[in-house]
Amino acid sequence: MKRKSEEKFNKKKEKKVTKESLRAEIKAKREKLLAEEVKEKSRLIKEKLFSLPEFKSAHTVAFYADLKESKEVETGEMIKESLEMGKRVLIPITDLIGKKLVFSEIRKLEDLSPGTFDILEPIPELRKILPYEAIRLIVVPGVAFDLHGHRIGYGLGFYDRCLSKLTRYVTKIGLAFELQIVDKLPREDHDIKLNKVITEERIIER
């Protein structure tokens, strides 16, 4: 019985893992989370993020606005508290024509409204666009992350292009639920590593 179990396990390991299959698998797992689980896990992740010396010292932080339907790590409270701490908070705007992210400063959560892909973005008339050079720490979403700082996004490459343009002095942090972590992701040479990935259970450093 033991030998059969081992053979079955080894066959599973031999299956080629692709970015597409991982996206589907992890999105399905995340979809099963209850709303209260997402809220509590996000709170624990926020506490870990705010405890980091890099976060405490960063005067300009770029956050993503979470998409509720996708059950991403929630960033609303992080944004609100960062503003209360006096930090300059930037939120991305998806430029479909330029195929890039641009970042606008916001003063309060109410400065956001649904934009591209129904993701919250700064209201057009309130936008104050800042260059990438202004960012000191960036909080990055994703579908899957591994133990080496690699990530898989949603497949459109907006964050990949953004991360490739940031200097090495910018702290890059991924936020994820523990169920989004795998040992090793399939990757390409141009992939940019994150400095840290934070889950509700741990801080993964590369």
Protein backbone atom coordinates (compact mmCIF):
# COMPACT_ATOMS: atom_id res chain seq x y z
CA MET A 1 0.00 0.00 0.00
CA LYS A 2 2.83 2.36 0.91
CA ARG A 3 4.66 1.72 -2.38
CA LYS A 4 1.47 2.44 -4.39
CA SER A 5 0.97 5.71 -2.54
CA GLU A 6 4.57 6.74 -3.23
CA GLU A 7 4.22 5.89 -6.93
CA LYS A 8 1.02 7.93 -7.15
CA PHE A 9 2.74 10.88 -5.43
CA ASN A 10 5.75 10.68 -7.75
CA LYS A 11 3.51 10.62 -10.83
CA LYS A 12 1.79 13.76 -9.59
CA LYS A 13 5.16 15.46 -9.14
CA GLU A 14 6.17 14.54 -12.68
CA LYS A 15 3.23 16.42 -14.20
CA LYS A 16 4.43 19.64 -15.80
CA VAL A 17 3.22 22.61 -13.83
CA THR A 18 2.38 25.64 -15.97
CA LYS A 19 1.53 29.19 -14.97
CA GLU A 20 -1.97 28.68 -16.37
CA SER A 21 -2.63 25.53 -14.36
CA LEU A 22 -1.32 27.15 -11.18
CA ARG A 23 -3.47 30.23 -11.72
CA ALA A 24 -6.58 28.10 -12.10
CA GLU A 25 -5.74 25.90 -9.10
CA ILE A 26 -4.92 28.72 -6.67
CA LYS A 27 -7.75 31.00 -7.77
CA ALA A 28 -10.15 28.12 -7.13
CA LYS A 29 -8.71 27.64 -3.62
CA ARG A 30 -8.91 31.34 -2.84
CA GLU A 31 -12.49 31.45 -4.09
CA LYS A 32 -13.48 29.04 -1.30
CA LEU A 33 -12.42 31.46 1.45
CA LEU A 34 -15.27 32.94 3.46
CA ALA A 35 -15.56 36.72 3.70
CA GLU A 36 -14.70 36.67 7.42
CA GLU A 37 -11.62 34.52 6.71
CA VAL A 38 -10.40 37.01 4.10
CA LYS A 39 -10.92 39.87 6.57
CA GLU A 40 -9.12 38.19 9.47
CA LYS A 41 -6.21 36.90 7.39
CA SER A 42 -5.83 40.34 5.82
CA ARG A 43 -5.69 41.89 9.30
CA LEU A 44 -2.87 39.54 10.31
CA ILE A 45 -1.00 40.32 7.10
CA LYS A 46 -1.40 44.06 7.74
CA GLU A 47 0.12 43.69 11.21
CA LYS A 48 3.16 41.91 9.77
CA LEU A 49 3.59 44.49 7.01
CA PHE A 50 3.34 47.42 9.42
CA SER A 51 5.90 45.81 11.74
CA LEU A 52 8.63 45.83 9.07
CA PRO A 53 11.41 48.42 9.48
CA GLU A 54 11.25 48.99 5.70
CA PHE A 55 7.60 49.89 5.94
CA LYS A 56 8.04 52.11 8.98
CA SER A 57 10.77 54.11 7.27
CA ALA A 58 9.07 54.40 3.85
CA HIS A 59 7.49 57.81 3.44
CA THR A 60 5.92 56.94 0.06
CA VAL A 61 4.11 53.61 -0.30
CA ALA A 62 2.39 52.27 -3.41
CA PHE A 63 -0.55 49.98 -2.60
CA TYR A 64 -2.85 48.05 -4.90
CA ALA A 65 -6.61 48.37 -4.44
CA ASP A 66 -7.92 44.85 -3.82
CA LEU A 67 -10.64 43.39 -6.00
CA LYS A 68 -13.30 42.02 -3.64
CA GLU A 69 -14.68 39.54 -6.19
CA SER A 70 -11.25 37.90 -6.51
CA LYS A 71 -10.83 37.63 -2.73
CA GLU A 72 -7.38 39.24 -2.77
CA VAL A 73 -5.66 40.27 0.44
CA GLU A 74 -7.63 43.35 1.46
CA THR A 75 -5.72 46.63 1.44
CA GLY A 76 -8.41 49.13 2.41
CA GLU A 77 -7.46 49.28 6.09
CA MET A 78 -3.76 49.33 5.20
CA ILE A 79 -4.30 52.36 2.97
CA LYS A 80 -6.46 54.13 5.55
CA GLU A 81 -4.01 53.58 8.40
CA SER A 82 -1.00 54.52 6.26
CA LEU A 83 -2.66 57.84 5.44
CA GLU A 84 -3.39 58.39 9.14
CA MET A 85 0.30 57.76 9.85
CA GLY A 86 1.19 60.61 7.50
CA LYS A 87 2.58 58.45 4.70
CA ARG A 88 2.22 59.47 1.07
CA VAL A 89 0.04 56.75 -0.49
CA LEU A 90 0.03 55.97 -4.20
CA ILE A 91 -2.56 53.84 -6.02
CA PRO A 92 -2.08 52.42 -9.54
CA ILE A 93 -4.07 53.39 -12.61
CA THR A 94 -4.11 50.87 -15.45
CA ASP A 95 -3.13 52.51 -18.73
CA LEU A 96 -4.44 50.06 -21.32
CA ILE A 97 -3.11 52.05 -24.28
CA GLY A 98 0.41 52.38 -22.87
CA LYS A 99 0.19 48.88 -21.34
CA LYS A 100 1.57 50.15 -18.04
CA LEU A 101 0.67 51.22 -14.53
CA VAL A 102 0.86 54.86 -13.51
CA PHE A 103 0.58 55.91 -9.87
CA SER A 104 -1.46 58.71 -8.36
CA GLU A 105 -1.30 60.04 -4.83
CA ILE A 106 -4.54 59.92 -2.82
CA ARG A 107 -5.55 61.78 0.34
CA LYS A 108 -8.36 59.48 1.48
CA LEU A 109 -10.11 56.25 0.49
CA GLU A 110 -13.03 58.25 -0.86
CA ASP A 111 -10.68 59.49 -3.62
CA LEU A 112 -11.13 56.07 -5.27
CA SER A 113 -13.83 54.86 -7.65
CA PRO A 114 -14.20 51.81 -9.97
CA GLY A 115 -11.96 52.06 -13.01
CA THR A 116 -10.32 49.63 -15.43
CA PHE A 117 -11.47 46.02 -14.84
CA ASP A 118 -13.72 47.46 -12.06
CA ILE A 119 -10.64 47.92 -9.84
CA LEU A 120 -10.69 51.01 -7.64
CA GLU A 121 -8.58 53.84 -9.06
CA PRO A 122 -8.08 57.48 -8.13
CA ILE A 123 -10.95 59.64 -9.42
CA PRO A 124 -9.74 61.35 -12.64
CA GLU A 125 -10.24 64.94 -11.45
CA LEU A 126 -8.32 64.26 -8.21
CA ARG A 127 -5.32 62.52 -9.75
CA LYS A 128 -1.81 63.61 -8.92
CA ILE A 129 0.50 61.40 -10.97
CA LEU A 130 3.95 60.77 -9.51
CA PRO A 131 6.95 59.10 -11.21
CA TYR A 132 8.18 55.64 -10.25
CA GLU A 133 11.18 57.33 -8.65
CA ALA A 134 8.91 58.62 -5.88
CA ILE A 135 8.08 55.10 -4.68
CA ARG A 136 10.04 53.77 -1.70
CA LEU A 137 8.00 50.62 -1.01
CA ILE A 138 5.51 48.87 -3.25
CA VAL A 139 2.87 46.36 -2.17
CA VAL A 140 2.18 43.88 -4.96
CA PRO A 141 -0.80 41.58 -5.61
CA GLY A 142 -0.59 38.21 -7.33
CA VAL A 143 -2.20 34.83 -7.79
CA ALA A 144 0.74 32.67 -6.66
CA PHE A 145 4.08 33.25 -4.94
CA ASP A 146 7.00 30.99 -4.11
CA LEU A 147 9.69 30.74 -1.45
CA HIS A 148 12.24 32.52 -3.65
CA GLY A 149 10.35 35.80 -4.13
CA HIS A 150 8.82 34.98 -7.51
CA ARG A 151 5.19 35.68 -8.33
CA ILE A 152 2.56 34.90 -10.93
CA GLY A 153 0.05 37.63 -11.65
CA TYR A 154 -3.13 37.57 -13.68
CA GLY A 155 -1.35 37.19 -17.00
CA LEU A 156 -1.48 40.72 -18.40
CA GLY A 157 2.00 41.74 -17.27
CA PHE A 158 1.21 45.19 -15.84
CA TYR A 159 3.02 44.61 -12.55
CA ASP A 160 5.88 42.75 -14.26
CA ARG A 161 6.57 45.79 -16.41
CA CYS A 162 6.22 48.10 -13.42
CA LEU A 163 8.61 46.12 -11.21
CA SER A 164 11.23 46.00 -13.97
CA LYS A 165 11.33 49.81 -14.00
CA LEU A 166 11.78 50.30 -10.25
CA THR A 167 15.26 50.80 -8.85
CA ARG A 168 16.86 48.21 -6.59
CA TYR A 169 16.36 50.61 -3.69
CA VAL A 170 12.58 50.13 -3.79
CA THR A 171 11.34 47.47 -1.35
CA LYS A 172 8.99 45.12 -3.22
CA ILE A 173 6.53 43.18 -1.05
CA GLY A 174 3.94 40.63 -2.13
CA LEU A 175 0.80 40.03 -0.08
CA ALA A 176 -0.79 36.59 -0.17
CA PHE A 177 -2.79 34.10 1.80
CA GLU A 178 -0.81 31.03 2.83
CA LEU A 179 -2.76 28.91 0.33
CA GLN A 180 -1.19 30.98 -2.49
CA ILE A 181 2.36 29.90 -1.60
CA VAL A 182 4.16 27.11 -3.48
CA ASP A 183 7.74 25.88 -3.17
CA LYS A 184 8.83 26.92 -6.64
CA LEU A 185 7.10 28.66 -9.54
CA PRO A 186 7.85 28.25 -13.24
CA ARG A 187 9.71 31.43 -14.18
CA GLU A 188 11.40 33.32 -16.97
CA ASP A 189 14.71 35.18 -17.02
CA HIS A 190 13.05 38.61 -17.04
CA ASP A 191 10.94 37.91 -13.91
CA ILE A 192 11.65 40.35 -11.06
CA LYS A 193 12.01 38.93 -7.56
CA LEU A 194 10.20 40.45 -4.60
CA ASN A 195 12.13 41.24 -1.42
CA LYS A 196 9.48 39.69 0.80
CA VAL A 197 6.16 37.89 0.65
CA ILE A 198 3.82 38.24 3.63
CA THR A 199 1.07 35.78 4.51
CA GLU A 200 -1.13 35.48 7.57
CA GLU A 201 1.36 32.92 8.94
CA ARG A 202 4.83 34.19 8.04
CA ILE A 203 7.15 36.62 6.31
CA ILE A 204 9.08 34.95 3.50
CA GLU A 205 12.41 36.60 2.72
CA ARG A 206 14.63 35.70 -0.20
